[in-house]
Amino acid sequence: MHQGGKGNKKSSSSSTSSFMFALFQRIRQTDEKTQQGQDSTHSEVHDHLNPSPRSSSSLTPSPPPPSSMADLPQPDPFPEKSREGDAGAIFVLESKGTWWHAGFHLTTAIVGPTILTLPYAFRGLGWMVGLFCLTTMAVVTFYSYYLMSKVLEHCEKQGRRHIRFRELAADVLGSGGMFYFVIFIQTAINTGVGIGAILLAGECLQIMYTNLSPDGPLKLYEFIAMVTAVMIVLSQLPSFHSLRHINLGSLLLSLGYTSLVVGACINAGLSKNAPKKEYSLDPSKATRTFDAFTSISILAAIFGNGILPEIQATLAPPATGKMVKGLVMCYTVIFFTFYSAAVSGYWAFGNKSTSNILKSLIPDEGPALAPTWVLGLAVACVLFQLFAIGLVYSQVAYEIMEKQSADVSQGMFSKRNLIPRILLRTFYVMFCGFFAAMLPFFGDINGVVGAVGFIPLDFILPMLLYNMTYKPSRSSLIYWINMSIMVVFTGAGIMGTFSSVRKLVLDASKFKLFSSDIVD
């Protein structure tokens, strides 16, 4: 569901690689310093909370053992007081939610129509490797989001509550460059998701239209314009918290269309018109390798989030324990939807799976492979959920706009704040809609966004932030688990970027601006 362009992907990969190398150097230097004077089996946080007992034979209390600078409360570079005039924090990221609201937001951010791309991702992996990679991504992302929630809770307990990913990274890593690096990656992801949501919603309308009127004159870009108009209206909902009921509906819609699509795939696989099932990989070793890394990048994009700190910011403080409950809710939905869609779709269509399994169920030639009412209802559910997804991923852009343009002393709905909000959000949605109509390259873009965007934010930075915050011993298991994940996914991100860009280049001849067909 993510969208982007072709330019500068290699430089993005190089930038990501250089940032990760510098960060690994920094964590190694920090660990060497903090190891001195610290028990090898305990973290600094444990030492701070459990100081060495005083000698009972002393007549006067002996002073506690000296602390390292890391034990002392650190100054907050983004203090709460500085947010008193921050409209992005007060209006858009208002903290009123409960753990189940966080679960709704997380589910909408992760469980979307991109799950209909899972059979397509399996094309480059096969059955065994595909299921292994799917499970690995699920375990690693849950672990990653759990670690990030613990880092956020730790900072909050120390009086440094962070409501933005970029502020958290800059505080913990102590680098102003990380602030802008995270802004760049988040902007690329969120804009890409916004473009992709509008593009897929337009395709859903086109699917319904062509079934009702096969020779109708309307083109894909016209349906995209209709979706954009609806998104402009919905974009005026003022805050992330105000989306909680919409995101509950999104959760139910994801369960609904997944059930319908799984049933349709099983029906298609058993029908007499079913395509021949072929699960073999490409005979060329080089092509197989590139296809595998492209598929891994697509899986990373599907499991990606990239806005967890902003979601946690919507929780009413204290946030301790609430985010973990929200994650459990989210991953319960993920287990049902992701596995059922991947297995049923790949079983039914094998190597003929397209980047949207609905298109496999409605082939260009021959009869539909599922009842029309089932497909129509599934497409309608996908369409409505795409509006929710577009809204969720727009919140970071909106809070940046609001921070710069709004005046908190005037009130959220005052004329002074309402007019700039309407104009800026309308312009942003129109920008996304224009690029969705101009560049309908949905399948190929997923891999690029996953490699360049989601892998750094969701598979590398959370582990690094945890190691820098809690400073586990270099001999501890958690330290090496985190380091291993960072190294493996840094490599996967670099290879995924090259393989995804390669596929873009190979498919370039199929690309047409303002095309009526989305390139698989």
Protein backbone atom coordinates (compact mmCIF):
# COMPACT_ATOMS: atom_id res chain seq x y z
CA MET A 1 0.00 0.00 0.00
CA HIS A 2 3.00 2.24 0.11
CA GLN A 3 4.00 4.50 -2.64
CA GLY A 4 7.10 6.36 -3.67
CA GLY A 5 9.33 7.31 -6.58
CA LYS A 6 12.41 5.87 -8.18
CA GLY A 7 14.90 8.63 -7.58
CA ASN A 8 17.79 8.50 -5.16
CA LYS A 9 17.09 5.03 -3.76
CA LYS A 10 20.73 4.01 -3.81
CA SER A 11 21.68 7.15 -1.95
CA SER A 12 18.96 6.41 0.60
CA SER A 13 20.45 2.96 1.12
CA SER A 14 23.92 4.44 1.51
CA SER A 15 22.60 7.03 3.97
CA THR A 16 20.88 4.35 6.03
CA SER A 17 24.03 2.22 6.00
CA SER A 18 26.29 5.07 7.14
CA PHE A 19 23.91 6.07 9.93
CA MET A 20 23.77 2.48 11.19
CA PHE A 21 27.59 2.16 11.13
CA ALA A 22 27.98 5.36 13.14
CA LEU A 23 25.36 4.22 15.62
CA PHE A 24 27.03 0.82 16.12
CA GLN A 25 30.30 2.64 16.85
CA ARG A 26 28.55 4.86 19.37
CA ILE A 27 26.90 1.99 21.25
CA ARG A 28 30.22 0.10 21.38
CA GLN A 29 32.01 3.13 22.85
CA THR A 30 29.25 3.69 25.39
CA ASP A 31 29.27 0.05 26.46
CA GLU A 32 33.04 0.11 27.04
CA LYS A 33 32.68 3.11 29.36
CA THR A 34 29.74 1.79 31.33
CA GLN A 35 31.23 -1.67 31.84
CA GLN A 36 33.82 -0.24 34.27
CA GLY A 37 32.59 -0.39 37.88
CA GLN A 38 29.40 -2.27 36.92
CA ASP A 39 28.46 -5.85 37.79
CA SER A 40 28.70 -7.92 34.64
CA THR A 41 25.32 -9.57 35.19
CA HIS A 42 23.23 -6.44 35.86
CA SER A 43 22.25 -3.43 33.83
CA GLU A 44 22.88 0.10 35.05
CA VAL A 45 19.18 0.55 35.65
CA HIS A 46 19.19 -2.42 38.07
CA ASP A 47 22.27 -1.04 39.86
CA HIS A 48 20.61 2.33 40.25
CA LEU A 49 17.44 0.85 41.72
CA ASN A 50 19.35 -1.58 44.01
CA PRO A 51 22.43 0.23 45.43
CA SER A 52 25.04 -1.69 47.44
CA PRO A 53 24.10 -2.08 51.14
CA ARG A 54 25.95 0.03 53.71
CA SER A 55 28.29 -1.64 56.19
CA SER A 56 26.45 -2.54 59.40
CA SER A 57 29.61 -1.99 61.48
CA SER A 58 29.90 1.68 60.61
CA LEU A 59 28.70 4.19 63.22
CA THR A 60 27.79 6.67 60.49
CA PRO A 61 26.09 5.79 57.21
CA SER A 62 28.59 5.33 54.43
CA PRO A 63 27.86 7.09 51.14
CA PRO A 64 26.37 5.08 48.29
CA PRO A 65 28.77 3.80 45.65
CA PRO A 66 29.65 6.38 43.03
CA SER A 67 27.36 6.48 40.03
CA SER A 68 28.31 6.85 36.44
CA MET A 69 26.89 9.80 34.53
CA ALA A 70 24.40 7.44 32.88
CA ASP A 71 22.83 6.73 36.31
CA LEU A 72 22.09 10.39 36.96
CA PRO A 73 18.83 11.94 35.73
CA GLN A 74 19.50 13.34 32.29
CA PRO A 75 18.24 16.77 31.24
CA ASP A 76 15.30 16.60 28.88
CA PRO A 77 16.12 18.26 25.55
CA PHE A 78 12.38 18.39 24.82
CA PRO A 79 10.83 19.34 28.20
CA GLU A 80 7.08 19.31 28.86
CA LYS A 81 7.19 23.05 29.56
CA SER A 82 8.33 23.70 26.00
CA ARG A 83 5.12 22.04 24.76
CA GLU A 84 2.86 24.58 26.43
CA GLY A 85 2.73 26.49 23.15
CA ASP A 86 3.14 23.43 20.92
CA ALA A 87 -0.11 23.06 18.98
CA GLY A 88 1.08 19.82 17.40
CA ALA A 89 1.34 18.24 20.86
CA ILE A 90 -1.76 19.86 22.37
CA PHE A 91 -4.17 19.63 19.42
CA VAL A 92 -3.08 16.64 17.30
CA LEU A 93 -1.32 14.35 19.82
CA GLU A 94 -3.59 15.04 22.79
CA SER A 95 -3.12 12.37 25.49
CA LYS A 96 -6.57 11.08 26.44
CA GLY A 97 -6.62 7.47 25.23
CA THR A 98 -6.80 4.06 26.92
CA TRP A 99 -4.93 0.86 26.06
CA TRP A 100 -7.71 -0.40 23.81
CA HIS A 101 -7.63 2.88 21.88
CA ALA A 102 -3.90 2.28 21.34
CA GLY A 103 -4.79 -1.23 20.15
CA PHE A 104 -7.23 0.22 17.60
CA HIS A 105 -4.60 2.67 16.33
CA LEU A 106 -1.88 -0.01 16.12
CA THR A 107 -4.13 -2.44 14.29
CA THR A 108 -5.12 0.18 11.75
CA ALA A 109 -1.46 1.14 11.24
CA ILE A 110 -0.33 -2.46 10.62
CA VAL A 111 -3.30 -4.62 9.57
CA GLY A 112 -4.42 -3.13 6.28
CA PRO A 113 -5.13 -4.18 2.70
CA THR A 114 -1.40 -4.76 2.28
CA ILE A 115 -2.11 -8.22 3.70
CA LEU A 116 -3.64 -8.94 0.27
CA THR A 117 -0.05 -8.61 -1.02
CA LEU A 118 1.20 -11.51 1.14
CA PRO A 119 0.64 -14.25 -1.51
CA TYR A 120 2.61 -12.05 -3.93
CA ALA A 121 5.47 -11.84 -1.41
CA PHE A 122 5.45 -15.65 -1.12
CA ARG A 123 6.12 -15.87 -4.88
CA GLY A 124 9.75 -14.97 -4.29
CA LEU A 125 10.18 -17.20 -1.23
CA GLY A 126 8.19 -20.41 -1.64
CA TRP A 127 6.26 -22.24 1.06
CA MET A 128 8.87 -23.05 3.70
CA VAL A 129 10.95 -19.88 3.48
CA GLY A 130 7.81 -17.77 3.12
CA LEU A 131 6.24 -19.10 6.31
CA PHE A 132 9.57 -18.85 8.14
CA CYS A 133 10.06 -15.21 7.09
CA LEU A 134 6.45 -14.33 7.93
CA THR A 135 6.83 -15.79 11.43
CA THR A 136 10.23 -14.17 11.93
CA MET A 137 8.86 -10.76 10.95
CA ALA A 138 5.94 -11.19 13.36
CA VAL A 139 8.19 -12.16 16.29
CA VAL A 140 10.84 -9.51 15.61
CA THR A 141 8.36 -6.66 15.13
CA PHE A 142 6.43 -7.54 18.29
CA TYR A 143 9.72 -7.69 20.19
CA SER A 144 10.84 -4.43 18.59
CA TYR A 145 7.66 -2.54 19.44
CA TYR A 146 7.75 -3.96 22.97
CA LEU A 147 11.30 -2.67 23.47
CA MET A 148 10.39 0.76 22.16
CA SER A 149 7.39 0.99 24.48
CA LYS A 150 9.68 0.12 27.42
CA VAL A 151 12.16 2.83 26.41
CA LEU A 152 9.33 5.37 26.22
CA GLU A 153 8.06 4.28 29.66
CA HIS A 154 11.59 4.50 31.12
CA CYS A 155 12.05 8.05 29.82
CA GLU A 156 8.62 9.04 31.16
CA LYS A 157 9.49 7.75 34.65
CA GLN A 158 12.63 9.90 34.55
CA GLY A 159 10.54 12.95 33.72
CA ARG A 160 11.35 12.93 30.00
CA ARG A 161 8.07 12.05 28.32
CA HIS A 162 8.45 11.80 24.54
CA ILE A 163 5.52 12.04 22.15
CA ARG A 164 7.43 11.98 18.87
CA PHE A 165 9.74 9.35 17.38
CA ARG A 166 12.26 11.99 16.29
CA GLU A 167 12.50 13.48 19.80
CA LEU A 168 12.99 10.05 21.39
CA ALA A 169 15.79 9.13 18.99
CA ALA A 170 17.57 12.47 19.40
CA ASP A 171 17.33 12.31 23.22
CA VAL A 172 18.52 8.73 23.71
CA LEU A 173 21.18 8.74 21.00
CA GLY A 174 22.31 12.28 21.73
CA SER A 175 22.56 13.22 18.08
CA GLY A 176 20.87 16.17 16.44
CA GLY A 177 21.37 14.39 13.15
CA MET A 178 19.11 11.54 14.31
CA PHE A 179 16.28 14.07 14.79
CA TYR A 180 16.36 14.97 11.08
CA PHE A 181 17.10 11.41 9.95
CA VAL A 182 13.92 10.16 11.63
CA ILE A 183 11.91 13.10 10.24
CA PHE A 184 13.12 12.23 6.73
CA ILE A 185 12.29 8.51 7.05
CA GLN A 186 8.92 9.13 8.73
CA THR A 187 7.95 11.68 6.09
CA ALA A 188 8.83 9.25 3.30
CA ILE A 189 6.82 6.45 4.94
CA ASN A 190 3.78 8.50 5.88
CA THR A 191 3.53 10.26 2.54
CA GLY A 192 4.03 6.95 0.76
CA VAL A 193 1.26 5.33 2.79
CA GLY A 194 -1.03 8.29 2.15
CA ILE A 195 -0.42 8.01 -1.59
CA GLY A 196 -0.86 4.23 -1.50
CA ALA A 197 -4.11 4.42 0.48
CA ILE A 198 -5.65 6.80 -2.05
CA LEU A 199 -4.36 4.72 -4.96
CA LEU A 200 -5.78 1.44 -3.64
CA ALA A 201 -9.08 3.05 -2.69
CA GLY A 202 -9.35 4.36 -6.25
CA GLU A 203 -8.63 0.87 -7.55
CA CYS A 204 -11.39 -0.55 -5.31
CA LEU A 205 -13.87 1.89 -6.84
CA GLN A 206 -12.64 0.97 -10.31
CA ILE A 207 -13.12 -2.75 -9.61
CA MET A 208 -16.72 -2.20 -8.51
CA TYR A 209 -17.39 0.12 -11.45
CA THR A 210 -16.00 -2.22 -14.12
CA ASN A 211 -18.10 -5.09 -12.78
CA LEU A 212 -21.24 -2.98 -13.00
CA SER A 213 -20.29 -1.26 -16.27
CA PRO A 214 -17.51 -3.16 -18.10
CA ASP A 215 -17.35 -0.65 -20.95
CA GLY A 216 -17.77 2.47 -18.84
CA PRO A 217 -15.69 5.56 -19.72
CA LEU A 218 -14.27 6.37 -16.26
CA LYS A 219 -10.53 5.93 -15.72
CA LEU A 220 -8.51 5.08 -12.61
CA TYR A 221 -7.35 8.67 -12.05
CA GLU A 222 -10.98 9.82 -11.94
CA PHE A 223 -11.74 7.37 -9.13
CA ILE A 224 -8.60 8.58 -7.37
CA ALA A 225 -9.96 12.12 -7.58
CA MET A 226 -13.21 10.95 -5.92
CA VAL A 227 -11.30 9.28 -3.10
CA THR A 228 -9.15 12.38 -2.64
CA ALA A 229 -12.26 14.53 -2.21
CA VAL A 230 -13.56 12.24 0.56
CA MET A 231 -10.14 12.20 2.24
CA ILE A 232 -10.05 16.01 2.27
CA VAL A 233 -13.27 16.05 4.28
CA LEU A 234 -12.10 13.33 6.72
CA SER A 235 -8.71 14.99 7.17
CA GLN A 236 -10.36 17.80 9.13
CA LEU A 237 -10.83 15.53 12.16
CA PRO A 238 -8.58 17.51 14.51
CA SER A 239 -6.64 14.94 16.56
CA PHE A 240 -5.24 11.40 16.57
CA HIS A 241 -7.48 10.58 19.54
CA SER A 242 -10.56 11.62 17.55
CA LEU A 243 -9.91 8.66 15.21
CA ARG A 244 -10.47 6.02 17.92
CA HIS A 245 -13.98 5.05 16.80
CA ILE A 246 -12.97 5.08 13.13
CA ASN A 247 -10.04 2.80 13.97
CA LEU A 248 -12.28 0.39 15.86
CA GLY A 249 -14.32 0.17 12.67
CA SER A 250 -11.07 -0.38 10.76
CA LEU A 251 -10.19 -3.35 12.99
CA LEU A 252 -13.58 -4.95 12.36
CA LEU A 253 -13.33 -4.27 8.62
CA SER A 254 -9.92 -5.99 8.44
CA LEU A 255 -11.39 -9.11 10.06
CA GLY A 256 -14.36 -8.93 7.71
CA TYR A 257 -12.58 -8.67 4.37
CA THR A 258 -9.88 -11.16 5.40
CA SER A 259 -12.56 -13.75 6.14
CA LEU A 260 -14.25 -13.03 2.81
CA VAL A 261 -10.99 -13.18 0.81
CA VAL A 262 -9.84 -16.39 2.51
CA GLY A 263 -13.19 -18.02 1.73
CA ALA A 264 -13.00 -16.76 -1.86
CA CYS A 265 -9.44 -18.12 -2.30
CA ILE A 266 -10.42 -21.54 -0.98
CA ASN A 267 -13.43 -21.55 -3.32
CA ALA A 268 -11.21 -20.48 -6.25
CA GLY A 269 -8.60 -23.13 -5.50
CA LEU A 270 -11.24 -25.87 -5.52
CA SER A 271 -13.17 -24.68 -8.57
CA LYS A 272 -12.86 -26.20 -12.04
CA ASN A 273 -11.68 -22.84 -13.38
CA ALA A 274 -8.80 -22.65 -10.91
CA PRO A 275 -5.42 -21.80 -12.45
CA LYS A 276 -2.76 -24.50 -12.43
CA LYS A 277 -0.96 -24.40 -9.09
CA GLU A 278 2.76 -23.79 -9.55
CA TYR A 279 5.03 -23.01 -6.60
CA SER A 280 8.51 -23.33 -8.11
CA LEU A 281 10.97 -20.44 -7.87
CA ASP A 282 12.77 -18.77 -10.78
CA PRO A 283 15.46 -21.07 -12.26
CA SER A 284 18.04 -18.26 -12.28
CA LYS A 285 19.97 -18.12 -9.00
CA ALA A 286 20.53 -14.35 -9.28
CA THR A 287 16.85 -13.68 -9.97
CA ARG A 288 15.82 -15.94 -7.08
CA THR A 289 18.11 -13.99 -4.75
CA PHE A 290 16.79 -10.61 -5.81
CA ASP A 291 13.18 -11.85 -5.68
CA ALA A 292 13.74 -13.15 -2.15
CA PHE A 293 15.09 -9.84 -0.86
CA THR A 294 12.28 -7.95 -2.59
CA SER A 295 9.76 -10.23 -0.85
CA ILE A 296 11.48 -9.70 2.51
CA SER A 297 11.26 -5.94 1.97
CA ILE A 298 7.55 -6.27 1.17
CA LEU A 299 7.03 -8.24 4.40
CA ALA A 300 8.87 -5.52 6.32
CA ALA A 301 6.57 -2.91 4.78
CA ILE A 302 3.48 -4.97 5.65
CA PHE A 303 4.54 -5.40 9.30
CA GLY A 304 5.90 -1.87 9.50
CA ASN A 305 4.53 0.86 11.69
CA GLY A 306 6.95 3.74 12.06
CA ILE A 307 4.65 5.84 14.28
CA LEU A 308 4.57 3.86 17.55
CA PRO A 309 5.78 6.78 19.75
CA GLU A 310 3.07 9.00 18.28
CA ILE A 311 0.47 6.30 19.02
CA GLN A 312 1.77 5.89 22.58
CA ALA A 313 1.55 9.69 22.92
CA THR A 314 -2.25 9.43 22.65
CA LEU A 315 -2.39 7.43 25.92
CA ALA A 316 -3.38 9.30 29.05
CA PRO A 317 -0.30 9.34 31.32
CA PRO A 318 1.08 7.30 32.89
CA ALA A 319 1.47 4.99 29.90
CA THR A 320 3.12 2.15 31.87
CA GLY A 321 1.82 -1.24 30.72
CA LYS A 322 -0.90 0.18 28.47
CA MET A 323 1.02 -0.10 25.22
CA VAL A 324 1.86 -3.77 25.79
CA LYS A 325 -1.85 -4.56 26.12
CA GLY A 326 -2.49 -2.68 22.90
CA LEU A 327 0.26 -4.66 21.16
CA VAL A 328 -1.25 -7.97 22.32
CA MET A 329 -4.61 -6.92 20.88
CA CYS A 330 -2.99 -5.91 17.60
CA TYR A 331 -0.95 -9.09 17.18
CA THR A 332 -3.95 -11.27 17.95
CA VAL A 333 -5.60 -9.72 14.90
CA ILE A 334 -2.35 -10.07 12.92
CA PHE A 335 -2.12 -13.80 13.65
CA PHE A 336 -5.59 -14.45 12.26
CA THR A 337 -5.43 -12.15 9.24
CA PHE A 338 -1.85 -12.46 8.00
CA TYR A 339 -1.49 -16.23 8.10
CA SER A 340 -4.92 -17.03 6.70
CA ALA A 341 -4.56 -14.57 3.79
CA ALA A 342 -0.99 -15.64 2.95
CA VAL A 343 -1.63 -19.39 3.03
CA SER A 344 -5.00 -19.42 1.25
CA GLY A 345 -3.95 -16.94 -1.45
CA TYR A 346 -0.62 -18.60 -2.27
CA TRP A 347 -2.22 -22.05 -2.18
CA ALA A 348 -4.90 -20.99 -4.66
CA PHE A 349 -2.75 -19.04 -7.14
CA GLY A 350 0.90 -19.91 -6.48
CA ASN A 351 3.25 -18.05 -8.82
CA LYS A 352 0.31 -16.36 -10.52
CA SER A 353 -0.50 -14.35 -7.38
CA THR A 354 -0.70 -10.63 -8.12
CA SER A 355 0.20 -7.72 -5.83
CA ASN A 356 -3.49 -7.51 -4.91
CA ILE A 357 -5.04 -10.95 -4.52
CA LEU A 358 -8.46 -9.50 -5.36
CA LYS A 359 -7.25 -9.05 -8.94
CA SER A 360 -6.33 -12.75 -9.04
CA LEU A 361 -9.91 -13.55 -8.02
CA ILE A 362 -11.22 -11.35 -10.85
CA PRO A 363 -8.98 -12.27 -13.82
CA ASP A 364 -8.99 -10.16 -16.98
CA GLU A 365 -9.88 -13.26 -18.98
CA GLY A 366 -12.44 -15.83 -17.95
CA PRO A 367 -15.11 -15.82 -15.24
CA ALA A 368 -14.66 -14.48 -11.73
CA LEU A 369 -13.33 -17.14 -9.36
CA ALA A 370 -15.62 -16.19 -6.46
CA PRO A 371 -19.26 -15.10 -6.07
CA THR A 372 -19.78 -11.50 -7.11
CA TRP A 373 -21.44 -10.53 -3.83
CA VAL A 374 -18.47 -11.87 -1.82
CA LEU A 375 -15.97 -9.91 -3.89
CA GLY A 376 -18.13 -6.79 -3.84
CA LEU A 377 -18.45 -6.88 -0.06
CA ALA A 378 -14.71 -7.52 0.38
CA VAL A 379 -13.83 -4.62 -1.90
CA ALA A 380 -16.23 -2.33 -0.01
CA CYS A 381 -14.62 -3.30 3.32
CA VAL A 382 -11.15 -2.62 1.91
CA LEU A 383 -12.28 0.73 0.54
CA PHE A 384 -13.64 1.95 3.86
CA GLN A 385 -10.59 0.77 5.80
CA LEU A 386 -8.25 2.61 3.45
CA PHE A 387 -9.75 5.91 4.57
CA ALA A 388 -8.85 5.06 8.19
CA ILE A 389 -5.30 4.06 7.24
CA GLY A 390 -4.76 7.24 5.27
CA LEU A 391 -5.92 9.27 8.27
CA VAL A 392 -3.66 7.45 10.77
CA TYR A 393 -0.50 7.89 8.72
CA SER A 394 -1.28 11.55 8.04
CA GLN A 395 -1.17 12.47 11.73
CA VAL A 396 2.60 13.04 11.84
CA ALA A 397 2.37 15.46 8.91
CA TYR A 398 -0.60 17.19 10.53
CA GLU A 399 1.14 17.63 13.89
CA ILE A 400 4.17 19.14 12.13
CA MET A 401 1.89 21.55 10.25
CA GLU A 402 -0.11 22.38 13.37
CA LYS A 403 3.03 23.02 15.42
CA GLN A 404 4.16 25.64 12.93
CA SER A 405 0.84 27.22 12.00
CA ALA A 406 -1.53 27.11 15.00
CA ASP A 407 -1.80 29.31 18.09
CA VAL A 408 -2.76 27.33 21.21
CA SER A 409 -4.05 30.45 22.95
CA GLN A 410 -6.80 30.81 20.34
CA GLY A 411 -8.46 27.38 20.77
CA MET A 412 -8.57 24.36 18.48
CA PHE A 413 -11.63 25.46 16.50
CA SER A 414 -11.05 29.20 16.48
CA LYS A 415 -11.07 30.97 13.13
CA ARG A 416 -7.35 31.69 13.59
CA ASN A 417 -6.54 27.95 13.72
CA LEU A 418 -9.36 26.45 11.66
CA ILE A 419 -8.57 28.23 8.39
CA PRO A 420 -4.85 27.25 8.28
CA ARG A 421 -5.79 23.68 9.27
CA ILE A 422 -8.29 23.37 6.42
CA LEU A 423 -5.92 24.86 3.85
CA LEU A 424 -2.80 22.92 4.86
CA ARG A 425 -4.50 19.54 5.23
CA THR A 426 -6.38 20.00 1.97
CA PHE A 427 -3.13 20.79 0.16
CA TYR A 428 -1.42 17.73 1.69
CA VAL A 429 -4.22 15.34 0.66
CA MET A 430 -4.35 16.84 -2.84
CA PHE A 431 -0.58 16.34 -3.12
CA CYS A 432 -0.95 12.64 -2.20
CA GLY A 433 -3.90 12.24 -4.57
CA PHE A 434 -2.02 13.80 -7.48
CA PHE A 435 0.93 11.44 -7.10
CA ALA A 436 -1.38 8.45 -6.65
CA ALA A 437 -2.99 9.24 -10.00
CA MET A 438 0.30 10.00 -11.73
CA LEU A 439 2.37 7.04 -10.45
CA PRO A 440 0.22 3.89 -10.06
CA PHE A 441 3.15 1.51 -9.46
CA PHE A 442 1.81 -0.14 -6.32
CA GLY A 443 3.50 -3.55 -6.27
CA ASP A 444 7.05 -2.41 -6.92
CA ILE A 445 6.88 0.53 -4.52
CA ASN A 446 6.06 -1.68 -1.51
CA GLY A 447 9.52 -3.21 -1.49
CA VAL A 448 11.37 0.10 -1.76
CA VAL A 449 9.41 1.70 1.09
CA GLY A 450 9.91 -1.38 3.27
CA ALA A 451 13.67 -1.46 2.72
CA VAL A 452 14.42 2.26 2.95
CA GLY A 453 11.80 3.25 5.52
CA PHE A 454 10.34 0.55 7.72
CA ILE A 455 13.49 -1.55 8.25
CA PRO A 456 15.50 1.30 9.87
CA LEU A 457 12.61 2.54 12.03
CA ASP A 458 11.10 -0.79 13.07
CA PHE A 459 13.92 -3.35 12.94
CA ILE A 460 17.05 -1.37 13.86
CA LEU A 461 16.40 1.78 15.90
CA PRO A 462 14.23 0.16 18.65
CA MET A 463 17.00 -2.32 19.53
CA LEU A 464 19.60 0.42 19.49
CA LEU A 465 17.44 2.70 21.65
CA TYR A 466 16.94 -0.12 24.18
CA ASN A 467 20.66 -0.92 24.39
CA MET A 468 21.53 2.76 24.80
CA THR A 469 18.85 3.30 27.47
CA TYR A 470 19.18 0.17 29.63
CA LYS A 471 22.82 -0.62 28.76
CA PRO A 472 22.68 -4.42 29.18
CA SER A 473 25.99 -6.15 29.77
CA ARG A 474 27.86 -7.10 26.62
CA SER A 475 27.89 -10.66 27.95
CA SER A 476 24.09 -10.75 28.30
CA LEU A 477 21.77 -12.58 25.92
CA ILE A 478 19.52 -9.58 25.26
CA TYR A 479 22.49 -7.47 24.16
CA TRP A 480 23.50 -9.99 21.52
CA ILE A 481 19.93 -10.64 20.40
CA ASN A 482 19.50 -6.92 19.79
CA MET A 483 22.86 -6.55 18.04
CA SER A 484 22.15 -9.59 15.84
CA ILE A 485 18.77 -8.22 14.78
CA MET A 486 20.33 -4.85 13.94
CA VAL A 487 23.11 -6.38 11.85
CA VAL A 488 20.86 -8.85 10.00
CA PHE A 489 18.21 -6.28 9.14
CA THR A 490 20.74 -3.64 8.16
CA GLY A 491 22.03 -6.11 5.59
CA ALA A 492 18.48 -7.05 4.58
CA GLY A 493 17.59 -3.38 4.19
CA ILE A 494 20.57 -2.67 1.93
CA MET A 495 19.97 -5.77 -0.22
CA GLY A 496 16.23 -5.16 -0.24
CA THR A 497 16.75 -1.63 -1.51
CA PHE A 498 18.95 -2.77 -4.38
CA SER A 499 16.62 -5.64 -5.34
CA SER A 500 13.49 -3.45 -5.14
CA VAL A 501 15.08 -0.71 -7.23
CA ARG A 502 16.21 -3.38 -9.69
CA LYS A 503 12.62 -4.55 -10.09
CA LEU A 504 11.49 -0.95 -10.61
CA VAL A 505 14.05 -0.60 -13.41
CA LEU A 506 13.04 -3.91 -15.02
CA ASP A 507 9.36 -2.91 -14.94
CA ALA A 508 10.01 0.66 -16.11
CA SER A 509 8.75 -0.12 -19.62
CA LYS A 510 5.31 -0.93 -18.16
CA PHE A 511 4.98 2.37 -16.33
CA LYS A 512 2.72 5.02 -17.82
CA LEU A 513 1.84 8.28 -16.12
CA PHE A 514 -1.86 8.51 -15.23
CA SER A 515 -2.35 4.89 -16.30
CA SER A 516 -5.66 3.13 -15.73
CA ASP A 517 -3.90 -0.02 -14.57
CA ILE A 518 -1.75 -0.54 -11.49
CA VAL A 519 1.52 -2.27 -12.37
CA ASP A 520 2.10 -5.49 -10.42
